Amino acid sequence: MDNLSVEHLIGIRDLTKADIELIFSTADNFKQVINRPIKKVPSLRDITIANLFFENSTRTKLSFELAEKRLSADVINFSASGSSVSKGETLVDTVNNILSMKVDMVVMRHPNPGAAKFLSDRIGAKVVNAGDGTHEHPTQALLDAFTIREKLGSVEGKKVVIVGDILHSRVALSNILCLQKLGAEVMVCGPTTLIPKHIDKLGVKVSHNLRHALEWCDVANMLRIQLERQDIKYFPSLREYSMLFGLNKEILDSLSKEIVVMHPGPINRGVEITSDVADSKQSVILQQVENGVAIRMAVIYLLAAKIERQ
């Protein structure tokens, strides 16, 4: 099978295991490409891609833009702050105007859950979800699973704990769905107030004790506390949070086995992980960023193959 079963990448929920494996094998090829002296391939020379970011982003935006340029696509960038959105223009109007400029694919990050799905139902271009509110962030989950596969040989049978602000995290939901489809066991760990009430219905284990979770796992994915999404106080202070759920070198070195440490970024150093953990040999944080470009190249390439040519 050389084709994705979906027309858009809205969420991991829509992908089959075969889709994920196809994305990974395509990303393997692109990873070789981006490590060559000439990093560009002419695959998407006549494709135009619009990056619509209605929310702040550094890594994801740069990563998508780099992926598109490595594939020789024409790229237009749009950020909401300097656009007509700040004058009250609606999402559909914004996008229709951009589509009038004959764009083939839209990569969108939006603060509202469901925005990417809403868009894909209304426009003819392919849509890639670069994060919709607290809902999903599919390319992050794919690059995380790809990094685990690269580091540990496979994802199947591995034990992964996701630590931190599960309640507000789109990365957590996408990761849970992706890891389960690939046969991993997943646990979430954090303060009671930051764990969604019925998350066990997703088939994940729940822990409120960091050491217990770390002893259980092969991989720990440390999430950022999303203060910008928190409308009330979910814990007394960042200092108290980091005392109970922050990963430091002392805890890491005292575990009975070596675990892999991941972080989707941006890191709040000294809160969810300390600098000596982030920069240790067990950390794969920079490999995640490198793999992000390869995964996004694979997703864009495979979706572009489904664009109908008139």
Protein backbone atom coordinates (compact mmCIF):
# COMPACT_ATOMS: atom_id res chain seq x y z
CA MET A 1 0.00 0.00 0.00
CA ASP A 2 1.56 3.29 -1.11
CA ASN A 3 -1.40 5.53 -0.40
CA LEU A 4 -2.82 6.97 2.79
CA SER A 5 -6.41 5.97 3.59
CA VAL A 6 -7.24 9.61 4.49
CA GLU A 7 -7.57 12.78 2.38
CA HIS A 8 -6.43 15.10 5.20
CA LEU A 9 -4.40 14.73 8.39
CA ILE A 10 -6.84 16.00 11.01
CA GLY A 11 -6.01 13.64 13.86
CA ILE A 12 -4.37 10.31 14.72
CA ARG A 13 -7.88 8.97 15.38
CA ASP A 14 -8.50 8.80 11.60
CA LEU A 15 -5.29 6.93 10.73
CA THR A 16 -4.89 3.16 10.49
CA LYS A 17 -1.78 1.33 11.70
CA ALA A 18 -0.85 0.83 8.01
CA ASP A 19 -1.08 4.62 7.45
CA ILE A 20 1.29 5.27 10.36
CA GLU A 21 3.76 2.67 9.11
CA LEU A 22 3.64 4.15 5.60
CA ILE A 23 4.37 7.61 7.03
CA PHE A 24 7.32 6.13 8.99
CA SER A 25 8.84 4.30 6.02
CA THR A 26 8.49 7.46 3.89
CA ALA A 27 10.08 9.50 6.71
CA ASP A 28 13.01 7.02 6.82
CA ASN A 29 13.77 7.93 3.19
CA PHE A 30 13.41 11.65 3.81
CA LYS A 31 15.65 11.46 6.87
CA GLN A 32 18.44 10.23 4.59
CA VAL A 33 17.68 13.11 2.21
CA ILE A 34 17.93 15.83 4.88
CA ASN A 35 21.29 14.47 6.02
CA ARG A 36 22.80 14.68 2.52
CA PRO A 37 24.87 17.65 1.32
CA ILE A 38 22.05 18.57 -1.12
CA LYS A 39 18.97 18.46 1.05
CA LYS A 40 16.31 19.32 -1.52
CA VAL A 41 14.15 17.03 -3.65
CA PRO A 42 11.95 18.28 -6.51
CA SER A 43 8.91 16.18 -5.50
CA LEU A 44 6.38 19.01 -4.99
CA ARG A 45 7.68 21.56 -7.44
CA ASP A 46 4.25 22.77 -8.60
CA ILE A 47 2.41 22.52 -5.26
CA THR A 48 1.54 25.63 -3.24
CA ILE A 49 1.15 25.25 0.53
CA ALA A 50 -0.27 27.86 2.91
CA ASN A 51 0.82 27.80 6.55
CA LEU A 52 -1.96 29.36 8.64
CA PHE A 53 -0.96 29.90 12.25
CA PHE A 54 -3.69 31.43 14.40
CA GLU A 55 -1.64 30.60 17.50
CA ASN A 56 2.00 31.15 18.43
CA SER A 57 4.48 28.53 17.32
CA THR A 58 8.23 28.21 16.88
CA ARG A 59 9.28 24.60 16.30
CA THR A 60 6.13 23.42 14.48
CA LYS A 61 6.00 26.41 12.15
CA LEU A 62 9.71 26.28 11.29
CA SER A 63 9.57 22.51 10.93
CA PHE A 64 6.63 22.57 8.50
CA GLU A 65 8.15 25.41 6.51
CA LEU A 66 11.48 23.64 6.26
CA ALA A 67 9.76 20.36 5.27
CA GLU A 68 7.83 22.16 2.51
CA LYS A 69 10.93 23.89 1.18
CA ARG A 70 12.97 20.67 1.25
CA LEU A 71 10.25 19.20 -1.03
CA SER A 72 10.51 22.26 -3.35
CA ALA A 73 6.92 23.40 -2.71
CA ASP A 74 5.94 27.06 -2.96
CA VAL A 75 5.18 28.30 0.55
CA ILE A 76 3.04 31.16 1.82
CA ASN A 77 3.05 32.03 5.51
CA PHE A 78 0.19 33.59 7.37
CA SER A 79 0.09 34.54 11.03
CA ALA A 80 -3.15 35.77 12.56
CA SER A 81 -1.67 38.63 14.56
CA GLY A 82 -0.70 40.70 11.52
CA SER A 83 -3.73 39.81 9.40
CA SER A 84 -7.39 40.67 8.87
CA VAL A 85 -8.35 38.12 11.54
CA SER A 86 -7.53 40.82 14.07
CA LYS A 87 -10.12 42.96 12.22
CA GLY A 88 -12.82 40.34 12.79
CA GLU A 89 -12.60 38.21 9.64
CA THR A 90 -13.96 34.65 10.06
CA LEU A 91 -11.92 31.49 9.53
CA VAL A 92 -13.80 30.43 6.38
CA ASP A 93 -13.46 33.90 4.80
CA THR A 94 -9.75 33.98 5.55
CA VAL A 95 -9.23 30.58 3.99
CA ASN A 96 -11.48 31.19 0.98
CA ASN A 97 -9.47 34.28 0.21
CA ILE A 98 -6.26 32.30 0.41
CA LEU A 99 -7.75 29.51 -1.74
CA SER A 100 -8.71 32.06 -4.39
CA MET A 101 -4.97 32.40 -4.76
CA LYS A 102 -5.00 28.71 -5.86
CA VAL A 103 -3.40 26.95 -2.89
CA ASP A 104 -3.19 23.14 -2.93
CA MET A 105 -2.66 22.43 0.75
CA VAL A 106 -3.26 24.21 4.05
CA VAL A 107 -1.28 23.57 7.25
CA MET A 108 -3.22 25.10 10.12
CA ARG A 109 -2.79 25.67 13.85
CA HIS A 110 -5.83 27.12 15.62
CA PRO A 111 -6.83 27.73 19.26
CA ASN A 112 -10.25 26.07 18.81
CA PRO A 113 -10.66 22.28 18.91
CA GLY A 114 -12.20 21.00 15.68
CA ALA A 115 -11.03 23.94 13.53
CA ALA A 116 -9.06 21.69 11.13
CA LYS A 117 -12.04 19.33 10.65
CA PHE A 118 -14.36 22.31 10.13
CA LEU A 119 -12.03 23.59 7.45
CA SER A 120 -11.51 20.27 5.68
CA ASP A 121 -15.29 19.90 5.28
CA ARG A 122 -15.53 23.27 3.54
CA ILE A 123 -12.57 23.61 1.22
CA GLY A 124 -11.12 21.64 -1.67
CA ALA A 125 -7.47 21.82 -0.56
CA LYS A 126 -5.78 19.18 1.60
CA VAL A 127 -5.64 20.12 5.29
CA VAL A 128 -2.92 19.23 7.79
CA ASN A 129 -3.70 19.90 11.44
CA ALA A 130 -0.72 21.53 13.16
CA GLY A 131 -2.61 21.59 16.48
CA ASP A 132 -6.21 22.55 17.23
CA GLY A 133 -6.64 23.91 20.74
CA THR A 134 -6.53 21.16 23.37
CA HIS A 135 -7.71 18.50 20.88
CA GLU A 136 -4.98 16.92 18.70
CA HIS A 137 -1.49 17.53 17.33
CA PRO A 138 -1.00 14.56 14.97
CA THR A 139 2.43 15.34 13.50
CA GLN A 140 3.91 15.70 17.01
CA ALA A 141 2.59 12.26 17.99
CA LEU A 142 3.97 10.75 14.77
CA LEU A 143 7.43 12.24 15.30
CA ASP A 144 7.42 11.12 18.95
CA ALA A 145 6.55 7.52 18.01
CA PHE A 146 9.07 7.66 15.13
CA THR A 147 11.77 8.76 17.61
CA ILE A 148 10.89 5.88 19.99
CA ARG A 149 11.07 3.43 17.05
CA GLU A 150 14.47 4.84 16.05
CA LYS A 151 15.86 4.72 19.60
CA LEU A 152 14.40 1.41 20.82
CA GLY A 153 13.94 -0.51 17.56
CA SER A 154 10.14 -0.63 17.71
CA VAL A 155 7.16 0.88 19.53
CA GLU A 156 5.28 -2.38 20.07
CA GLY A 157 5.35 -3.66 23.65
CA LYS A 158 7.13 -0.55 24.97
CA LYS A 159 5.87 1.22 28.09
CA VAL A 160 5.47 4.97 27.71
CA VAL A 161 4.50 7.40 30.45
CA ILE A 162 3.22 10.88 29.60
CA VAL A 163 3.83 13.23 32.53
CA GLY A 164 2.34 16.65 33.24
CA ASP A 165 -0.57 18.76 32.07
CA ILE A 166 -2.63 16.02 30.37
CA LEU A 167 -5.84 18.05 30.69
CA HIS A 168 -4.79 20.89 28.37
CA SER A 169 -2.44 18.93 26.14
CA ARG A 170 -3.23 18.11 22.52
CA VAL A 171 0.11 16.28 22.39
CA ALA A 172 -1.03 13.85 25.10
CA LEU A 173 -4.23 12.81 23.30
CA SER A 174 -2.53 12.35 19.92
CA ASN A 175 0.34 10.45 21.56
CA ILE A 176 -1.99 8.10 23.45
CA LEU A 177 -3.89 7.24 20.24
CA CYS A 178 -0.73 6.83 18.14
CA LEU A 179 1.18 4.72 20.67
CA GLN A 180 -1.80 2.44 21.26
CA LYS A 181 -2.27 1.87 17.52
CA LEU A 182 1.39 0.82 17.36
CA GLY A 183 1.00 -1.61 20.28
CA ALA A 184 2.61 0.32 23.16
CA GLU A 185 1.31 0.49 26.74
CA VAL A 186 0.56 4.03 27.91
CA MET A 187 0.36 5.58 31.36
CA VAL A 188 -0.42 9.19 32.25
CA CYS A 189 1.02 10.80 35.37
CA GLY A 190 0.38 14.17 36.98
CA PRO A 191 -1.58 16.00 39.68
CA THR A 192 -5.21 14.85 40.01
CA THR A 193 -6.40 18.27 38.82
CA LEU A 194 -4.49 17.96 35.52
CA ILE A 195 -5.64 14.42 34.62
CA PRO A 196 -8.97 14.35 32.69
CA LYS A 197 -11.74 12.63 34.65
CA HIS A 198 -12.52 9.65 32.38
CA ILE A 199 -9.13 9.17 30.72
CA ASP A 200 -9.01 5.51 31.79
CA LYS A 201 -11.75 4.92 29.17
CA LEU A 202 -8.98 5.39 26.58
CA GLY A 203 -7.29 2.29 28.00
CA VAL A 204 -4.42 4.12 29.73
CA LYS A 205 -3.06 3.58 33.23
CA VAL A 206 -3.15 6.54 35.62
CA SER A 207 -0.54 7.37 38.27
CA HIS A 208 -0.05 10.32 40.61
CA ASN A 209 3.42 9.23 41.72
CA LEU A 210 6.30 10.21 39.42
CA ARG A 211 8.81 7.67 40.76
CA HIS A 212 6.32 4.80 40.43
CA ALA A 213 5.59 5.87 36.82
CA LEU A 214 9.29 6.18 35.92
CA GLU A 215 10.14 2.75 37.39
CA TRP A 216 7.36 1.25 35.21
CA CYS A 217 8.25 2.91 31.90
CA ASP A 218 10.80 2.58 29.07
CA VAL A 219 10.10 6.12 27.81
CA ALA A 220 9.03 9.25 29.70
CA ASN A 221 7.45 12.07 27.70
CA MET A 222 7.55 15.19 29.90
CA LEU A 223 4.89 17.75 28.95
CA ARG A 224 4.97 21.48 29.55
CA ILE A 225 2.58 23.09 32.01
CA GLN A 226 0.29 25.11 29.74
CA LEU A 227 -0.27 28.17 31.88
CA GLU A 228 -1.72 30.08 28.90
CA ARG A 229 -4.67 27.63 28.72
CA GLN A 230 -5.32 27.48 32.47
CA ASP A 231 -8.20 29.70 33.53
CA ILE A 232 -8.01 28.66 37.21
CA LYS A 233 -5.19 27.52 39.52
CA TYR A 234 -4.74 23.76 39.16
CA PHE A 235 -1.85 23.49 41.65
CA PRO A 236 -0.43 25.80 44.34
CA SER A 237 2.79 26.88 42.61
CA LEU A 238 5.28 25.90 39.90
CA ARG A 239 7.82 25.23 42.65
CA GLU A 240 5.52 22.71 44.30
CA TYR A 241 4.69 21.13 40.92
CA SER A 242 8.37 20.67 40.10
CA MET A 243 9.07 19.15 43.52
CA LEU A 244 6.42 16.47 42.94
CA PHE A 245 6.42 16.00 39.16
CA GLY A 246 9.68 17.54 37.92
CA LEU A 247 12.32 15.16 36.58
CA ASN A 248 15.86 15.85 37.81
CA LYS A 249 19.16 14.01 37.30
CA GLU A 250 19.08 12.58 40.82
CA ILE A 251 15.76 10.77 40.17
CA LEU A 252 16.88 9.71 36.67
CA ASP A 253 20.15 8.18 37.93
CA SER A 254 18.43 6.37 40.81
CA LEU A 255 16.06 4.36 38.56
CA SER A 256 16.67 0.64 38.17
CA LYS A 257 17.05 0.96 34.36
CA GLU A 258 17.96 3.61 31.80
CA ILE A 259 14.88 5.27 30.34
CA VAL A 260 14.49 7.53 27.31
CA VAL A 261 13.45 11.12 28.09
CA MET A 262 11.35 13.07 25.60
CA HIS A 263 9.80 16.55 25.54
CA PRO A 264 7.66 18.12 22.80
CA GLY A 265 9.02 21.61 23.55
CA PRO A 266 9.06 24.41 24.48
CA ILE A 267 10.82 23.33 27.67
CA ASN A 268 10.30 25.17 30.94
CA ARG A 269 13.74 24.28 32.31
CA GLY A 270 13.64 23.67 36.03
CA VAL A 271 9.88 22.98 36.05
CA GLU A 272 9.04 19.72 34.25
CA ILE A 273 12.69 18.78 33.66
CA THR A 274 15.98 20.24 34.83
CA SER A 275 18.71 21.35 32.41
CA ASP A 276 21.01 18.44 33.25
CA VAL A 277 18.22 15.99 32.26
CA ALA A 278 17.32 17.88 29.07
CA ASP A 279 20.96 17.84 27.99
CA SER A 280 21.77 14.28 29.16
CA LYS A 281 22.53 11.31 26.89
CA GLN A 282 19.16 9.77 27.77
CA SER A 283 17.33 12.75 26.30
CA VAL A 284 16.19 12.55 22.65
CA ILE A 285 14.69 16.05 22.56
CA LEU A 286 16.86 17.32 19.68
CA GLN A 287 16.37 14.07 17.72
CA GLN A 288 12.62 14.72 18.04
CA VAL A 289 13.10 18.10 16.36
CA GLU A 290 15.18 16.57 13.54
CA ASN A 291 12.66 13.77 13.06
CA GLY A 292 9.87 16.36 13.00
CA VAL A 293 11.13 17.66 9.65
CA ALA A 294 11.32 14.14 8.15
CA ILE A 295 7.83 13.19 9.43
CA ARG A 296 6.28 16.43 8.14
CA MET A 297 7.97 15.92 4.75
CA ALA A 298 6.44 12.42 4.65
CA VAL A 299 2.93 13.62 5.59
CA ILE A 300 2.97 16.47 3.05
CA TYR A 301 4.41 14.25 0.31
CA LEU A 302 1.82 11.50 0.87
CA LEU A 303 -1.12 13.92 1.00
CA ALA A 304 0.14 15.78 -2.08
CA ALA A 305 0.05 12.47 -3.97
CA LYS A 306 -3.73 12.54 -3.48
CA ILE A 307 -4.23 15.99 -5.03
CA GLU A 308 -6.28 15.62 -8.19
CA ARG A 309 -4.76 17.31 -11.20
CA GLN A 310 -7.18 18.97 -13.61
